[in-house]
Amino acid sequence: MSNTLSSWGQYASLKYVSFPLQTLFKSAKVIPVMLMGKFLNSATYAVSDYGEAIAITAGVCVFGLSKEKSPSAAGDKPSQYA
């Protein structure tokens, strides 16, 4: 019962979060999972694995949260004398 209610609450809360932010948090989830695996399960990861996790998160952050400016936002107003 609690699993069903928690799933419902999770999906209901996603209505209030933008898609780029959801994607960013999903990609950033790799870093804490690796850290918890290291500290709790004594798992070993190569330094390159940590580098890849950080690069993926940074890439998603840059491309997912950058927005293309509309002409009105950039200050390009149509001329009234055209």
PDB file of N, CA and C in Angstrom:
ATOM      1  N   MET A   1       0.829  -1.195   0.000  1.00  0.00           N
ATOM      2  CA  MET A   1       0.000   0.000   0.000  1.00  0.00           C
ATOM      3  C   MET A   1       0.876   1.263   0.000  1.00  0.00           C
ATOM      4  N   SER A   2       1.910   1.263   0.852  1.00  0.00           N
ATOM      5  CA  SER A   2       2.761   2.448   0.917  1.00  0.00           C
ATOM      6  C   SER A   2       3.550   2.640  -0.374  1.00  0.00           C
ATOM      7  N   ASN A   3       3.921   1.548  -1.045  1.00  0.00           N
ATOM      8  CA  ASN A   3       4.632   1.651  -2.318  1.00  0.00           C
ATOM      9  C   ASN A   3       3.739   2.294  -3.375  1.00  0.00           C
ATOM     10  N   THR A   4       2.485   1.922  -3.411  1.00  0.00           N
ATOM     11  CA  THR A   4       1.545   2.503  -4.375  1.00  0.00           C
ATOM     12  C   THR A   4       1.334   3.980  -4.098  1.00  0.00           C
ATOM     13  N   LEU A   5       1.153   4.345  -2.848  1.00  0.00           N
ATOM     14  CA  LEU A   5       0.943   5.750  -2.498  1.00  0.00           C
ATOM     15  C   LEU A   5       2.186   6.593  -2.759  1.00  0.00           C
ATOM     16  N   SER A   6       3.356   6.041  -2.496  1.00  0.00           N
ATOM     17  CA  SER A   6       4.573   6.815  -2.747  1.00  0.00           C
ATOM     18  C   SER A   6       4.790   7.012  -4.245  1.00  0.00           C
ATOM     19  N   SER A   7       4.466   6.012  -5.061  1.00  0.00           N
ATOM     20  CA  SER A   7       4.573   6.171  -6.516  1.00  0.00           C
ATOM     21  C   SER A   7       3.608   7.237  -7.016  1.00  0.00           C
ATOM     22  N   TRP A   8       2.397   7.230  -6.498  1.00  0.00           N
ATOM     23  CA  TRP A   8       1.418   8.234  -6.890  1.00  0.00           C
ATOM     24  C   TRP A   8       1.912   9.634  -6.508  1.00  0.00           C
ATOM     25  N   GLY A   9       2.428   9.768  -5.319  1.00  0.00           N
ATOM     26  CA  GLY A   9       2.951  11.070  -4.884  1.00  0.00           C
ATOM     27  C   GLY A   9       4.141  11.522  -5.714  1.00  0.00           C
ATOM     28  N   GLN A  10       4.983  10.584  -6.089  1.00  0.00           N
ATOM     29  CA  GLN A  10       6.151  10.918  -6.904  1.00  0.00           C
ATOM     30  C   GLN A  10       5.720  11.444  -8.266  1.00  0.00           C
ATOM     31  N   TYR A  11       4.802  10.758  -8.928  1.00  0.00           N
ATOM     32  CA  TYR A  11       4.369  11.198 -10.252  1.00  0.00           C
ATOM     33  C   TYR A  11       3.538  12.479 -10.180  1.00  0.00           C
ATOM     34  N   ALA A  12       2.788  12.650  -9.113  1.00  0.00           N
ATOM     35  CA  ALA A  12       2.005  13.880  -8.962  1.00  0.00           C
ATOM     36  C   ALA A  12       2.920  15.085  -8.762  1.00  0.00           C
ATOM     37  N   SER A  13       4.035  14.889  -8.062  1.00  0.00           N
ATOM     38  CA  SER A  13       4.946  16.009  -7.828  1.00  0.00           C
ATOM     39  C   SER A  13       5.719  16.406  -9.083  1.00  0.00           C
ATOM     40  N   LEU A  14       5.846  15.498 -10.052  1.00  0.00           N
ATOM     41  CA  LEU A  14       6.573  15.822 -11.283  1.00  0.00           C
ATOM     42  C   LEU A  14       5.853  16.862 -12.137  1.00  0.00           C
ATOM     43  N   LYS A  15       4.582  17.098 -11.867  1.00  0.00           N
ATOM     44  CA  LYS A  15       3.843  18.130 -12.605  1.00  0.00           C
ATOM     45  C   LYS A  15       4.398  19.522 -12.327  1.00  0.00           C
ATOM     46  N   TYR A  16       5.081  19.686 -11.223  1.00  0.00           N
ATOM     47  CA  TYR A  16       5.565  20.995 -10.810  1.00  0.00           C
ATOM     48  C   TYR A  16       7.042  21.221 -11.123  1.00  0.00           C
ATOM     49  N   VAL A  17       7.679  20.258 -11.799  1.00  0.00           N
ATOM     50  CA  VAL A  17       9.099  20.355 -12.119  1.00  0.00           C
ATOM     51  C   VAL A  17       9.256  20.302 -13.635  1.00  0.00           C
ATOM     52  N   SER A  18      10.075  21.181 -14.186  1.00  0.00           N
ATOM     53  CA  SER A  18      10.266  21.219 -15.632  1.00  0.00           C
ATOM     54  C   SER A  18      11.029  19.984 -16.114  1.00  0.00           C
ATOM     55  N   PHE A  19      10.847  19.656 -17.396  1.00  0.00           N
ATOM     56  CA  PHE A  19      11.511  18.485 -17.966  1.00  0.00           C
ATOM     57  C   PHE A  19      13.033  18.604 -17.930  1.00  0.00           C
ATOM     58  N   PRO A  20      13.624  19.756 -18.289  1.00  0.00           N
ATOM     59  CA  PRO A  20      15.087  19.839 -18.191  1.00  0.00           C
ATOM     60  C   PRO A  20      15.607  19.615 -16.776  1.00  0.00           C
ATOM     61  N   LEU A  21      14.887  20.097 -15.783  1.00  0.00           N
ATOM     62  CA  LEU A  21      15.313  19.894 -14.402  1.00  0.00           C
ATOM     63  C   LEU A  21      15.191  18.430 -13.989  1.00  0.00           C
ATOM     64  N   GLN A  22      14.138  17.750 -14.447  1.00  0.00           N
ATOM     65  CA  GLN A  22      13.992  16.322 -14.181  1.00  0.00           C
ATOM     66  C   GLN A  22      15.159  15.546 -14.773  1.00  0.00           C
ATOM     67  N   THR A  23      15.506  15.876 -16.015  1.00  0.00           N
ATOM     68  CA  THR A  23      16.601  15.185 -16.694  1.00  0.00           C
ATOM     69  C   THR A  23      17.924  15.439 -15.987  1.00  0.00           C
ATOM     70  N   LEU A  24      18.131  16.661 -15.542  1.00  0.00           N
ATOM     71  CA  LEU A  24      19.359  16.992 -14.823  1.00  0.00           C
ATOM     72  C   LEU A  24      19.492  16.181 -13.544  1.00  0.00           C
ATOM     73  N   PHE A  25      18.429  16.100 -12.776  1.00  0.00           N
ATOM     74  CA  PHE A  25      18.497  15.354 -11.522  1.00  0.00           C
ATOM     75  C   PHE A  25      18.659  13.860 -11.757  1.00  0.00           C
ATOM     76  N   LYS A  26      18.055  13.340 -12.829  1.00  0.00           N
ATOM     77  CA  LYS A  26      18.225  11.922 -13.127  1.00  0.00           C
ATOM     78  C   LYS A  26      19.662  11.617 -13.519  1.00  0.00           C
ATOM     79  N   SER A  27      20.282  12.509 -14.268  1.00  0.00           N
ATOM     80  CA  SER A  27      21.669  12.267 -14.664  1.00  0.00           C
ATOM     81  C   SER A  27      22.626  12.472 -13.493  1.00  0.00           C
ATOM     82  N   ALA A  28      22.293  13.384 -12.585  1.00  0.00           N
ATOM     83  CA  ALA A  28      23.150  13.643 -11.425  1.00  0.00           C
ATOM     84  C   ALA A  28      23.038  12.551 -10.373  1.00  0.00           C
ATOM     85  N   LYS A  29      22.041  11.688 -10.517  1.00  0.00           N
ATOM     86  CA  LYS A  29      21.833  10.612  -9.546  1.00  0.00           C
ATOM     87  C   LYS A  29      23.006   9.635  -9.542  1.00  0.00           C
ATOM     88  N   VAL A  30      23.753   9.554 -10.634  1.00  0.00           N
ATOM     89  CA  VAL A  30      24.874   8.618 -10.747  1.00  0.00           C
ATOM     90  C   VAL A  30      25.945   8.916  -9.697  1.00  0.00           C
ATOM     91  N   ILE A  31      26.205  10.181  -9.445  1.00  0.00           N
ATOM     92  CA  ILE A  31      27.287  10.558  -8.523  1.00  0.00           C
ATOM     93  C   ILE A  31      27.003  10.102  -7.090  1.00  0.00           C
ATOM     94  N   PRO A  32      25.834  10.405  -6.492  1.00  0.00           N
ATOM     95  CA  PRO A  32      25.609   9.910  -5.129  1.00  0.00           C
ATOM     96  C   PRO A  32      25.499   8.388  -5.049  1.00  0.00           C
ATOM     97  N   VAL A  33      24.992   7.745  -6.108  1.00  0.00           N
ATOM     98  CA  VAL A  33      24.914   6.283  -6.097  1.00  0.00           C
ATOM     99  C   VAL A  33      26.322   5.687  -6.045  1.00  0.00           C
ATOM    100  N   MET A  34      27.239   6.250  -6.807  1.00  0.00           N
ATOM    101  CA  MET A  34      28.621   5.766  -6.780  1.00  0.00           C
ATOM    102  C   MET A  34      29.267   6.019  -5.422  1.00  0.00           C
ATOM    103  N   LEU A  35      29.031   7.176  -4.857  1.00  0.00           N
ATOM    104  CA  LEU A  35      29.606   7.490  -3.547  1.00  0.00           C
ATOM    105  C   LEU A  35      29.051   6.577  -2.451  1.00  0.00           C
ATOM    106  N   MET A  36      27.743   6.330  -2.467  1.00  0.00           N
ATOM    107  CA  MET A  36      27.152   5.438  -1.469  1.00  0.00           C
ATOM    108  C   MET A  36      27.646   4.010  -1.661  1.00  0.00           C
ATOM    109  N   GLY A  37      27.831   3.601  -2.913  1.00  0.00           N
ATOM    110  CA  GLY A  37      28.376   2.273  -3.168  1.00  0.00           C
ATOM    111  C   GLY A  37      29.780   2.130  -2.608  1.00  0.00           C
ATOM    112  N   LYS A  38      30.548   3.189  -2.720  1.00  0.00           N
ATOM    113  CA  LYS A  38      31.922   3.152  -2.203  1.00  0.00           C
ATOM    114  C   LYS A  38      31.941   3.089  -0.679  1.00  0.00           C
ATOM    115  N   PHE A  39      31.127   3.933  -0.034  1.00  0.00           N
ATOM    116  CA  PHE A  39      31.178   4.011   1.423  1.00  0.00           C
ATOM    117  C   PHE A  39      30.404   2.892   2.121  1.00  0.00           C
ATOM    118  N   LEU A  40      29.285   2.476   1.559  1.00  0.00           N
ATOM    119  CA  LEU A  40      28.469   1.462   2.233  1.00  0.00           C
ATOM    120  C   LEU A  40      28.818   0.033   1.832  1.00  0.00           C
ATOM    121  N   ASN A  41      29.152  -0.170   0.551  1.00  0.00           N
ATOM    122  CA  ASN A  41      29.410  -1.523   0.070  1.00  0.00           C
ATOM    123  C   ASN A  41      30.877  -1.777  -0.257  1.00  0.00           C
ATOM    124  N   SER A  42      31.716  -0.821   0.011  1.00  0.00           N
ATOM    125  CA  SER A  42      33.149  -0.917  -0.303  1.00  0.00           C
ATOM    126  C   SER A  42      33.407  -1.231  -1.777  1.00  0.00           C
ATOM    127  N   ALA A  43      32.549  -0.727  -2.648  1.00  0.00           N
ATOM    128  CA  ALA A  43      32.745  -0.914  -4.089  1.00  0.00           C
ATOM    129  C   ALA A  43      33.905  -0.038  -4.549  1.00  0.00           C
ATOM    130  N   THR A  44      34.588  -0.503  -5.546  1.00  0.00           N
ATOM    131  CA  THR A  44      35.699   0.279  -6.089  1.00  0.00           C
ATOM    132  C   THR A  44      35.361   0.705  -7.514  1.00  0.00           C
ATOM    133  N   TYR A  45      35.595   1.964  -7.801  1.00  0.00           N
ATOM    134  CA  TYR A  45      35.374   2.523  -9.125  1.00  0.00           C
ATOM    135  C   TYR A  45      36.668   3.184  -9.571  1.00  0.00           C
ATOM    136  N   ALA A  46      36.907   3.122 -10.856  1.00  0.00           N
ATOM    137  CA  ALA A  46      38.088   3.785 -11.404  1.00  0.00           C
ATOM    138  C   ALA A  46      37.866   5.299 -11.397  1.00  0.00           C
ATOM    139  N   VAL A  47      38.944   6.046 -11.385  1.00  0.00           N
ATOM    140  CA  VAL A  47      38.852   7.511 -11.422  1.00  0.00           C
ATOM    141  C   VAL A  47      38.137   7.951 -12.699  1.00  0.00           C
ATOM    142  N   SER A  48      38.340   7.206 -13.780  1.00  0.00           N
ATOM    143  CA  SER A  48      37.674   7.557 -15.041  1.00  0.00           C
ATOM    144  C   SER A  48      36.157   7.420 -14.930  1.00  0.00           C
ATOM    145  N   ASP A  49      35.668   6.483 -14.103  1.00  0.00           N
ATOM    146  CA  ASP A  49      34.231   6.346 -13.897  1.00  0.00           C
ATOM    147  C   ASP A  49      33.652   7.582 -13.218  1.00  0.00           C
ATOM    148  N   TYR A  50      34.367   8.089 -12.212  1.00  0.00           N
ATOM    149  CA  TYR A  50      33.922   9.326 -11.561  1.00  0.00           C
ATOM    150  C   TYR A  50      33.968  10.497 -12.537  1.00  0.00           C
ATOM    151  N   GLY A  51      35.009  10.547 -13.350  1.00  0.00           N
ATOM    152  CA  GLY A  51      35.117  11.605 -14.356  1.00  0.00           C
ATOM    153  C   GLY A  51      33.992  11.557 -15.363  1.00  0.00           C
ATOM    154  N   GLU A  52      33.623  10.344 -15.797  1.00  0.00           N
ATOM    155  CA  GLU A  52      32.514  10.199 -16.736  1.00  0.00           C
ATOM    156  C   GLU A  52      31.200  10.638 -16.109  1.00  0.00           C
ATOM    157  N   ALA A  53      30.971  10.282 -14.857  1.00  0.00           N
ATOM    158  CA  ALA A  53      29.737  10.673 -14.170  1.00  0.00           C
ATOM    159  C   ALA A  53      29.642  12.189 -14.058  1.00  0.00           C
ATOM    160  N   ILE A  54      30.749  12.830 -13.722  1.00  0.00           N
ATOM    161  CA  ILE A  54      30.749  14.294 -13.611  1.00  0.00           C
ATOM    162  C   ILE A  54      30.578  14.938 -14.986  1.00  0.00           C
ATOM    163  N   ALA A  55      31.206  14.375 -16.019  1.00  0.00           N
ATOM    164  CA  ALA A  55      31.080  14.926 -17.373  1.00  0.00           C
ATOM    165  C   ALA A  55      29.653  14.797 -17.894  1.00  0.00           C
ATOM    166  N   ILE A  56      29.015  13.672 -17.629  1.00  0.00           N
ATOM    167  CA  ILE A  56      27.622  13.490 -18.060  1.00  0.00           C
ATOM    168  C   ILE A  56      26.724  14.499 -17.369  1.00  0.00           C
ATOM    169  N   THR A  57      26.891  14.654 -16.071  1.00  0.00           N
ATOM    170  CA  THR A  57      26.069  15.607 -15.325  1.00  0.00           C
ATOM    171  C   THR A  57      26.303  17.035 -15.805  1.00  0.00           C
ATOM    172  N   ALA A  58      27.549  17.406 -16.027  1.00  0.00           N
ATOM    173  CA  ALA A  58      27.855  18.755 -16.505  1.00  0.00           C
ATOM    174  C   ALA A  58      27.290  18.986 -17.907  1.00  0.00           C
ATOM    175  N   GLY A  59      27.407  17.985 -18.766  1.00  0.00           N
ATOM    176  CA  GLY A  59      26.878  18.117 -20.126  1.00  0.00           C
ATOM    177  C   GLY A  59      25.374  18.290 -20.150  1.00  0.00           C
ATOM    178  N   VAL A  60      24.684  17.489 -19.356  1.00  0.00           N
ATOM    179  CA  VAL A  60      23.226  17.620 -19.291  1.00  0.00           C
ATOM    180  C   VAL A  60      22.849  18.967 -18.696  1.00  0.00           C
ATOM    181  N   CYS A  61      23.604  19.424 -17.723  1.00  0.00           N
ATOM    182  CA  CYS A  61      23.343  20.726 -17.109  1.00  0.00           C
ATOM    183  C   CYS A  61      23.484  21.850 -18.125  1.00  0.00           C
ATOM    184  N   VAL A  62      24.553  21.831 -18.889  1.00  0.00           N
ATOM    185  CA  VAL A  62      24.801  22.894 -19.869  1.00  0.00           C
ATOM    186  C   VAL A  62      23.752  22.878 -20.975  1.00  0.00           C
ATOM    187  N   PHE A  63      23.508  21.717 -21.570  1.00  0.00           N
ATOM    188  CA  PHE A  63      22.601  21.647 -22.703  1.00  0.00           C
ATOM    189  C   PHE A  63      21.140  21.659 -22.294  1.00  0.00           C
ATOM    190  N   GLY A  64      20.817  21.115 -21.137  1.00  0.00           N
ATOM    191  CA  GLY A  64      19.427  21.050 -20.721  1.00  0.00           C
ATOM    192  C   GLY A  64      18.889  22.343 -20.147  1.00  0.00           C
ATOM    193  N   LEU A  65      19.730  23.092 -19.477  1.00  0.00           N
ATOM    194  CA  LEU A  65      19.249  24.308 -18.830  1.00  0.00           C
ATOM    195  C   LEU A  65      19.511  25.577 -19.632  1.00  0.00           C
ATOM    196  N   SER A  66      20.242  25.455 -20.739  1.00  0.00           N
ATOM    197  CA  SER A  66      20.446  26.638 -21.580  1.00  0.00           C
ATOM    198  C   SER A  66      19.215  26.810 -22.452  1.00  0.00           C
ATOM    199  N   LYS A  67      18.737  28.023 -22.519  1.00  0.00           N
ATOM    200  CA  LYS A  67      17.530  28.317 -23.283  1.00  0.00           C
ATOM    201  C   LYS A  67      17.876  29.232 -24.439  1.00  0.00           C
ATOM    202  N   GLU A  68      17.200  28.991 -25.532  1.00  0.00           N
ATOM    203  CA  GLU A  68      17.367  29.862 -26.690  1.00  0.00           C
ATOM    204  C   GLU A  68      16.510  31.091 -26.461  1.00  0.00           C
ATOM    205  N   LYS A  69      17.117  32.247 -26.613  1.00  0.00           N
ATOM    206  CA  LYS A  69      16.390  33.484 -26.356  1.00  0.00           C
ATOM    207  C   LYS A  69      15.480  33.815 -27.536  1.00  0.00           C
ATOM    208  N   SER A  70      14.286  34.277 -27.222  1.00  0.00           N
ATOM    209  CA  SER A  70      13.383  34.722 -28.264  1.00  0.00           C
ATOM    210  C   SER A  70      13.795  36.132 -28.686  1.00  0.00           C
ATOM    211  N   PRO A  71      13.396  36.567 -29.881  1.00  0.00           N
ATOM    212  CA  PRO A  71      13.809  37.911 -30.328  1.00  0.00           C
ATOM    213  C   PRO A  71      13.381  39.019 -29.376  1.00  0.00           C
ATOM    214  N   SER A  72      12.216  38.906 -28.753  1.00  0.00           N
ATOM    215  CA  SER A  72      11.779  39.965 -27.841  1.00  0.00           C
ATOM    216  C   SER A  72      12.612  39.957 -26.560  1.00  0.00           C
ATOM    217  N   ALA A  73      13.069  38.796 -26.137  1.00  0.00           N
ATOM    218  CA  ALA A  73      13.886  38.718 -24.929  1.00  0.00           C
ATOM    219  C   ALA A  73      15.289  39.249 -25.171  1.00  0.00           C
ATOM    220  N   ALA A  74      15.750  39.177 -26.414  1.00  0.00           N
ATOM    221  CA  ALA A  74      17.097  39.618 -26.727  1.00  0.00           C
ATOM    222  C   ALA A  74      17.163  41.128 -26.986  1.00  0.00           C
ATOM    223  N   GLY A  75      16.017  41.787 -26.974  1.00  0.00           N
ATOM    224  CA  GLY A  75      16.003  43.227 -27.186  1.00  0.00           C
ATOM    225  C   GLY A  75      15.810  43.633 -28.645  1.00  0.00           C
ATOM    226  N   ASP A  76      15.557  42.667 -29.529  1.00  0.00           N
ATOM    227  CA  ASP A  76      15.322  42.959 -30.931  1.00  0.00           C
ATOM    228  C   ASP A  76      13.840  43.225 -31.131  1.00  0.00           C
ATOM    229  N   LYS A  77      13.464  44.488 -31.164  1.00  0.00           N
ATOM    230  CA  LYS A  77      12.067  44.850 -31.347  1.00  0.00           C
ATOM    231  C   LYS A  77      11.852  45.233 -32.806  1.00  0.00           C
ATOM    232  N   PRO A  78      10.716  44.887 -33.356  1.00  0.00           N
ATOM    233  CA  PRO A  78      10.459  45.272 -34.744  1.00  0.00           C
ATOM    234  C   PRO A  78      10.347  46.790 -34.869  1.00  0.00           C
ATOM    235  N   SER A  79      10.821  47.282 -35.958  1.00  0.00           N
ATOM    236  CA  SER A  79      10.798  48.715 -36.185  1.00  0.00           C
ATOM    237  C   SER A  79       9.367  49.175 -36.473  1.00  0.00           C
ATOM    238  N   GLN A  80       8.994  50.301 -35.899  1.00  0.00           N
ATOM    239  CA  GLN A  80       7.649  50.805 -36.149  1.00  0.00           C
ATOM    240  C   GLN A  80       7.560  51.591 -37.454  1.00  0.00           C
ATOM    241  N   TYR A  81       8.711  51.859 -38.100  1.00  0.00           N
ATOM    242  CA  TYR A  81       8.728  52.635 -39.329  1.00  0.00           C
ATOM    243  C   TYR A  81       8.905  51.748 -40.561  1.00  0.00           C
ATOM    244  N   ALA A  82       8.883  50.450 -40.414  1.00  0.00           N
ATOM    245  CA  ALA A  82       9.105  49.549 -41.565  1.00  0.00           C
ATOM    246  C   ALA A  82       7.886  49.422 -42.419  1.00  0.00           C
TER     247      ALA A  82
END
